[in-house]
Amino acid sequence: MRTSTTSWIFVNVAQFESLSRAARSLGMPISTGAGGYRCWNRTSACRSEAHTRRVTLTAQGREYFNQCREPLTLLEKLRRC
């Protein structure tokens, strides 16, 4: 999976705090989103709460989210032009 794709998945999961909502917002199957999420979960950037299915960011994940959110949003705006 491309780094840009996994970054988009990460940003959307962080915003929605939900893997399924993030995948739907990106127009991809949940299984594809889950693959990208697993990449981030292995880096300890985020963690799942199994009993609520809610995803939360660790301090490391919050820092990365703050760094990549704006550039990815600008890229998306340029792509739509």
C-alpha atoms as a PDB file:
ATOM      1  CA  MET A   1       0.000   0.000   0.000  1.00  0.00           C
ATOM      2  CA  ARG A   2       1.362   3.434  -0.920  1.00  0.00           C
ATOM      3  CA  THR A   3       2.508   5.733   1.863  1.00  0.00           C
ATOM      4  CA  SER A   4       0.144   8.492   0.762  1.00  0.00           C
ATOM      5  CA  THR A   5      -2.792   6.076   0.961  1.00  0.00           C
ATOM      6  CA  THR A   6      -1.897   4.910   4.440  1.00  0.00           C
ATOM      7  CA  SER A   7      -1.415   8.529   5.505  1.00  0.00           C
ATOM      8  CA  TRP A   8      -4.911   9.386   4.259  1.00  0.00           C
ATOM      9  CA  ILE A   9      -6.295   6.399   6.116  1.00  0.00           C
ATOM     10  CA  PHE A  10      -4.480   7.488   9.275  1.00  0.00           C
ATOM     11  CA  VAL A  11      -5.757  11.084   9.056  1.00  0.00           C
ATOM     12  CA  ASN A  12      -9.347   9.957   8.478  1.00  0.00           C
ATOM     13  CA  VAL A  13      -9.242   7.346  11.232  1.00  0.00           C
ATOM     14  CA  ALA A  14      -7.884  10.011  13.580  1.00  0.00           C
ATOM     15  CA  GLN A  15     -10.620  12.472  12.615  1.00  0.00           C
ATOM     16  CA  PHE A  16     -13.509  10.013  12.812  1.00  0.00           C
ATOM     17  CA  GLU A  17     -12.054   7.827  15.603  1.00  0.00           C
ATOM     18  CA  SER A  18     -13.500   4.948  13.614  1.00  0.00           C
ATOM     19  CA  LEU A  19     -12.008   2.671  10.984  1.00  0.00           C
ATOM     20  CA  SER A  20     -15.326   1.957   9.255  1.00  0.00           C
ATOM     21  CA  ARG A  21     -16.337   5.633   9.043  1.00  0.00           C
ATOM     22  CA  ALA A  22     -12.873   6.539   7.778  1.00  0.00           C
ATOM     23  CA  ALA A  23     -13.017   3.881   5.068  1.00  0.00           C
ATOM     24  CA  ARG A  24     -16.488   5.009   3.990  1.00  0.00           C
ATOM     25  CA  SER A  25     -15.356   8.645   3.821  1.00  0.00           C
ATOM     26  CA  LEU A  26     -12.505   7.592   1.522  1.00  0.00           C
ATOM     27  CA  GLY A  27     -14.791   5.421  -0.608  1.00  0.00           C
ATOM     28  CA  MET A  28     -12.851   2.251   0.093  1.00  0.00           C
ATOM     29  CA  PRO A  29     -13.780  -1.131   1.523  1.00  0.00           C
ATOM     30  CA  ILE A  30     -13.276  -1.458   5.263  1.00  0.00           C
ATOM     31  CA  SER A  31     -10.790  -4.280   4.608  1.00  0.00           C
ATOM     32  CA  THR A  32      -8.561  -1.891   2.620  1.00  0.00           C
ATOM     33  CA  GLY A  33      -8.784   0.699   5.372  1.00  0.00           C
ATOM     34  CA  ALA A  34      -7.971  -1.965   7.935  1.00  0.00           C
ATOM     35  CA  GLY A  35      -4.747  -2.791   6.095  1.00  0.00           C
ATOM     36  CA  GLY A  36      -3.641   0.834   6.257  1.00  0.00           C
ATOM     37  CA  TYR A  37      -4.689   1.112   9.863  1.00  0.00           C
ATOM     38  CA  ARG A  38      -2.648  -1.949  10.832  1.00  0.00           C
ATOM     39  CA  CYS A  39       0.452  -0.179   9.478  1.00  0.00           C
ATOM     40  CA  TRP A  40      -0.145   2.684  11.916  1.00  0.00           C
ATOM     41  CA  ASN A  41      -1.146   0.443  14.772  1.00  0.00           C
ATOM     42  CA  ARG A  42       2.214  -1.341  14.529  1.00  0.00           C
ATOM     43  CA  THR A  43       4.022   1.988  14.919  1.00  0.00           C
ATOM     44  CA  SER A  44       2.161   2.697  18.158  1.00  0.00           C
ATOM     45  CA  ALA A  45       0.608   5.823  16.632  1.00  0.00           C
ATOM     46  CA  CYS A  46      -2.906   4.691  17.483  1.00  0.00           C
ATOM     47  CA  ARG A  47      -4.716   1.984  19.359  1.00  0.00           C
ATOM     48  CA  SER A  48      -8.127   0.382  19.265  1.00  0.00           C
ATOM     49  CA  GLU A  49     -10.486  -0.123  22.129  1.00  0.00           C
ATOM     50  CA  ALA A  50     -11.979  -3.504  21.338  1.00  0.00           C
ATOM     51  CA  HIS A  51     -15.038  -3.098  23.521  1.00  0.00           C
ATOM     52  CA  THR A  52     -16.090   0.186  21.850  1.00  0.00           C
ATOM     53  CA  ARG A  53     -14.373  -0.177  18.456  1.00  0.00           C
ATOM     54  CA  ARG A  54     -13.164   3.362  18.976  1.00  0.00           C
ATOM     55  CA  VAL A  55      -9.717   4.333  17.784  1.00  0.00           C
ATOM     56  CA  THR A  56      -7.628   6.758  19.808  1.00  0.00           C
ATOM     57  CA  LEU A  57      -4.283   8.346  19.075  1.00  0.00           C
ATOM     58  CA  THR A  58      -1.249   8.021  21.251  1.00  0.00           C
ATOM     59  CA  ALA A  59       0.874  11.110  21.915  1.00  0.00           C
ATOM     60  CA  GLN A  60       3.100  10.032  19.014  1.00  0.00           C
ATOM     61  CA  GLY A  61       0.061   9.612  16.776  1.00  0.00           C
ATOM     62  CA  ARG A  62      -1.364  13.022  17.733  1.00  0.00           C
ATOM     63  CA  GLU A  63       1.977  14.660  16.875  1.00  0.00           C
ATOM     64  CA  TYR A  64       2.085  12.947  13.472  1.00  0.00           C
ATOM     65  CA  PHE A  65      -1.563  13.829  12.811  1.00  0.00           C
ATOM     66  CA  ASN A  66      -0.872  17.505  13.507  1.00  0.00           C
ATOM     67  CA  GLN A  67       2.118  17.444  11.155  1.00  0.00           C
ATOM     68  CA  CYS A  68       0.491  15.693   8.200  1.00  0.00           C
ATOM     69  CA  ARG A  69      -3.134  16.874   8.261  1.00  0.00           C
ATOM     70  CA  GLU A  70      -2.597  20.267   6.587  1.00  0.00           C
ATOM     71  CA  PRO A  71      -0.229  19.110   3.811  1.00  0.00           C
ATOM     72  CA  LEU A  72      -2.533  16.213   2.922  1.00  0.00           C
ATOM     73  CA  THR A  73      -5.546  18.535   2.845  1.00  0.00           C
ATOM     74  CA  LEU A  74      -3.692  20.889   0.491  1.00  0.00           C
ATOM     75  CA  LEU A  75      -2.749  17.964  -1.755  1.00  0.00           C
ATOM     76  CA  GLU A  76      -6.356  16.862  -1.912  1.00  0.00           C
ATOM     77  CA  LYS A  77      -7.486  20.381  -2.906  1.00  0.00           C
ATOM     78  CA  LEU A  78      -4.872  20.472  -5.665  1.00  0.00           C
ATOM     79  CA  ARG A  79      -5.919  17.023  -6.890  1.00  0.00           C
ATOM     80  CA  ARG A  80      -9.525  18.231  -7.251  1.00  0.00           C
ATOM     81  CA  CYS A  81      -8.525  21.210  -9.441  1.00  0.00           C
END
